[in-house]
Amino acid sequence: MTNNGEGSRSACHDCGLYLLGALSPDAVVAFEAHLTDCCDCQDECETLGPIVSAMIGLSPADVEDMHPHPEPL
């Protein structure tokens, strides 16, 4: 989760980390509790979820193929 500058933590910026499985087990529990009441995070997870799922199946070569390097001048 992210620090809000006051010593406490806010979950509103953890959707991507949550969907990628990059949060600690304790942070997952806290984020899921937050998610039940936060419409913004629900919307963000709903939007990002399919994108993250699609990207997880890509290999580094697949990603490279999507963004080929330009030919040198």
C-alpha atoms as a PDB file:
ATOM      1  CA  MET A   1       0.000   0.000   0.000  1.00  0.00           C
ATOM      2  CA  THR A   2       1.069   3.571  -0.324  1.00  0.00           C
ATOM      3  CA  ASN A   3       1.973   5.964   2.447  1.00  0.00           C
ATOM      4  CA  ASN A   4      -0.344   8.954   2.610  1.00  0.00           C
ATOM      5  CA  GLY A   5       2.321  11.186   4.139  1.00  0.00           C
ATOM      6  CA  GLU A   6       0.759  11.063   7.600  1.00  0.00           C
ATOM      7  CA  GLY A   7       2.235   7.741   8.671  1.00  0.00           C
ATOM      8  CA  SER A   8      -0.858   5.714   7.799  1.00  0.00           C
ATOM      9  CA  ARG A   9      -1.284   3.817   4.600  1.00  0.00           C
ATOM     10  CA  SER A  10      -3.831   4.147   1.817  1.00  0.00           C
ATOM     11  CA  ALA A  11      -4.851   1.312  -0.494  1.00  0.00           C
ATOM     12  CA  CYS A  12      -6.124   3.478  -3.344  1.00  0.00           C
ATOM     13  CA  HIS A  13      -2.969   3.113  -5.406  1.00  0.00           C
ATOM     14  CA  ASP A  14      -2.505  -0.627  -5.039  1.00  0.00           C
ATOM     15  CA  CYS A  15      -4.868  -1.977  -7.698  1.00  0.00           C
ATOM     16  CA  GLY A  16      -2.086  -2.818 -10.140  1.00  0.00           C
ATOM     17  CA  LEU A  17       0.064  -4.439  -7.473  1.00  0.00           C
ATOM     18  CA  TYR A  18      -2.925  -6.402  -6.229  1.00  0.00           C
ATOM     19  CA  LEU A  19      -3.817  -7.654  -9.706  1.00  0.00           C
ATOM     20  CA  LEU A  20      -0.196  -8.624 -10.363  1.00  0.00           C
ATOM     21  CA  GLY A  21       0.004 -10.537  -7.097  1.00  0.00           C
ATOM     22  CA  ALA A  22       2.785  -8.259  -5.872  1.00  0.00           C
ATOM     23  CA  LEU A  23       1.311  -7.375  -2.477  1.00  0.00           C
ATOM     24  CA  SER A  24       2.296  -9.127   0.731  1.00  0.00           C
ATOM     25  CA  PRO A  25      -0.348 -11.429   2.247  1.00  0.00           C
ATOM     26  CA  ASP A  26      -1.188  -8.806   4.890  1.00  0.00           C
ATOM     27  CA  ALA A  27      -1.485  -6.106   2.229  1.00  0.00           C
ATOM     28  CA  VAL A  28      -3.816  -8.355   0.185  1.00  0.00           C
ATOM     29  CA  VAL A  29      -6.142  -8.737   3.165  1.00  0.00           C
ATOM     30  CA  ALA A  30      -6.095  -4.976   3.785  1.00  0.00           C
ATOM     31  CA  PHE A  31      -6.624  -4.155   0.105  1.00  0.00           C
ATOM     32  CA  GLU A  32      -9.521  -6.602  -0.240  1.00  0.00           C
ATOM     33  CA  ALA A  33     -11.173  -5.029   2.812  1.00  0.00           C
ATOM     34  CA  HIS A  34     -10.642  -1.587   1.254  1.00  0.00           C
ATOM     35  CA  LEU A  35     -11.930  -2.796  -2.110  1.00  0.00           C
ATOM     36  CA  THR A  36     -15.335  -3.707  -0.684  1.00  0.00           C
ATOM     37  CA  ASP A  37     -16.055  -0.032   0.043  1.00  0.00           C
ATOM     38  CA  CYS A  38     -14.054   1.871  -2.593  1.00  0.00           C
ATOM     39  CA  CYS A  39     -15.896   2.342  -5.886  1.00  0.00           C
ATOM     40  CA  ASP A  40     -12.835   3.971  -7.493  1.00  0.00           C
ATOM     41  CA  CYS A  41     -10.669   0.927  -6.780  1.00  0.00           C
ATOM     42  CA  GLN A  42     -13.449  -1.433  -7.862  1.00  0.00           C
ATOM     43  CA  ASP A  43     -13.661   0.401 -11.192  1.00  0.00           C
ATOM     44  CA  GLU A  44      -9.878   0.459 -11.605  1.00  0.00           C
ATOM     45  CA  CYS A  45      -9.555  -3.267 -10.864  1.00  0.00           C
ATOM     46  CA  GLU A  46     -12.403  -4.019 -13.256  1.00  0.00           C
ATOM     47  CA  THR A  47     -10.688  -1.989 -15.975  1.00  0.00           C
ATOM     48  CA  LEU A  48      -7.144  -3.236 -15.360  1.00  0.00           C
ATOM     49  CA  GLY A  49      -7.995  -6.868 -14.598  1.00  0.00           C
ATOM     50  CA  PRO A  50      -8.390  -8.090 -18.190  1.00  0.00           C
ATOM     51  CA  ILE A  51      -5.321  -6.149 -19.291  1.00  0.00           C
ATOM     52  CA  VAL A  52      -3.177  -7.607 -16.519  1.00  0.00           C
ATOM     53  CA  SER A  53      -4.486 -11.105 -17.251  1.00  0.00           C
ATOM     54  CA  ALA A  54      -3.575 -10.750 -20.917  1.00  0.00           C
ATOM     55  CA  MET A  55      -0.132  -9.382 -20.156  1.00  0.00           C
ATOM     56  CA  ILE A  56       0.740 -12.100 -17.651  1.00  0.00           C
ATOM     57  CA  GLY A  57       0.702 -14.651 -20.494  1.00  0.00           C
ATOM     58  CA  LEU A  58       3.229 -12.717 -22.591  1.00  0.00           C
ATOM     59  CA  SER A  59       6.866 -13.720 -22.847  1.00  0.00           C
ATOM     60  CA  PRO A  60       9.642 -11.112 -23.063  1.00  0.00           C
ATOM     61  CA  ALA A  61       9.879 -11.897 -26.796  1.00  0.00           C
ATOM     62  CA  ASP A  62       6.151 -11.198 -27.212  1.00  0.00           C
ATOM     63  CA  VAL A  63       6.582  -7.806 -25.579  1.00  0.00           C
ATOM     64  CA  GLU A  64       9.614  -7.064 -27.749  1.00  0.00           C
ATOM     65  CA  ASP A  65       7.588  -7.928 -30.858  1.00  0.00           C
ATOM     66  CA  MET A  66       4.926  -5.396 -29.859  1.00  0.00           C
ATOM     67  CA  HIS A  67       7.489  -2.605 -29.636  1.00  0.00           C
ATOM     68  CA  PRO A  68      10.117  -3.246 -32.287  1.00  0.00           C
ATOM     69  CA  HIS A  69      13.171  -1.056 -32.212  1.00  0.00           C
ATOM     70  CA  PRO A  70      13.407   1.410 -35.090  1.00  0.00           C
ATOM     71  CA  GLU A  71      16.012   0.835 -37.739  1.00  0.00           C
ATOM     72  CA  PRO A  72      19.212   2.822 -37.150  1.00  0.00           C
ATOM     73  CA  LEU A  73      19.624   5.859 -39.377  1.00  0.00           C
END
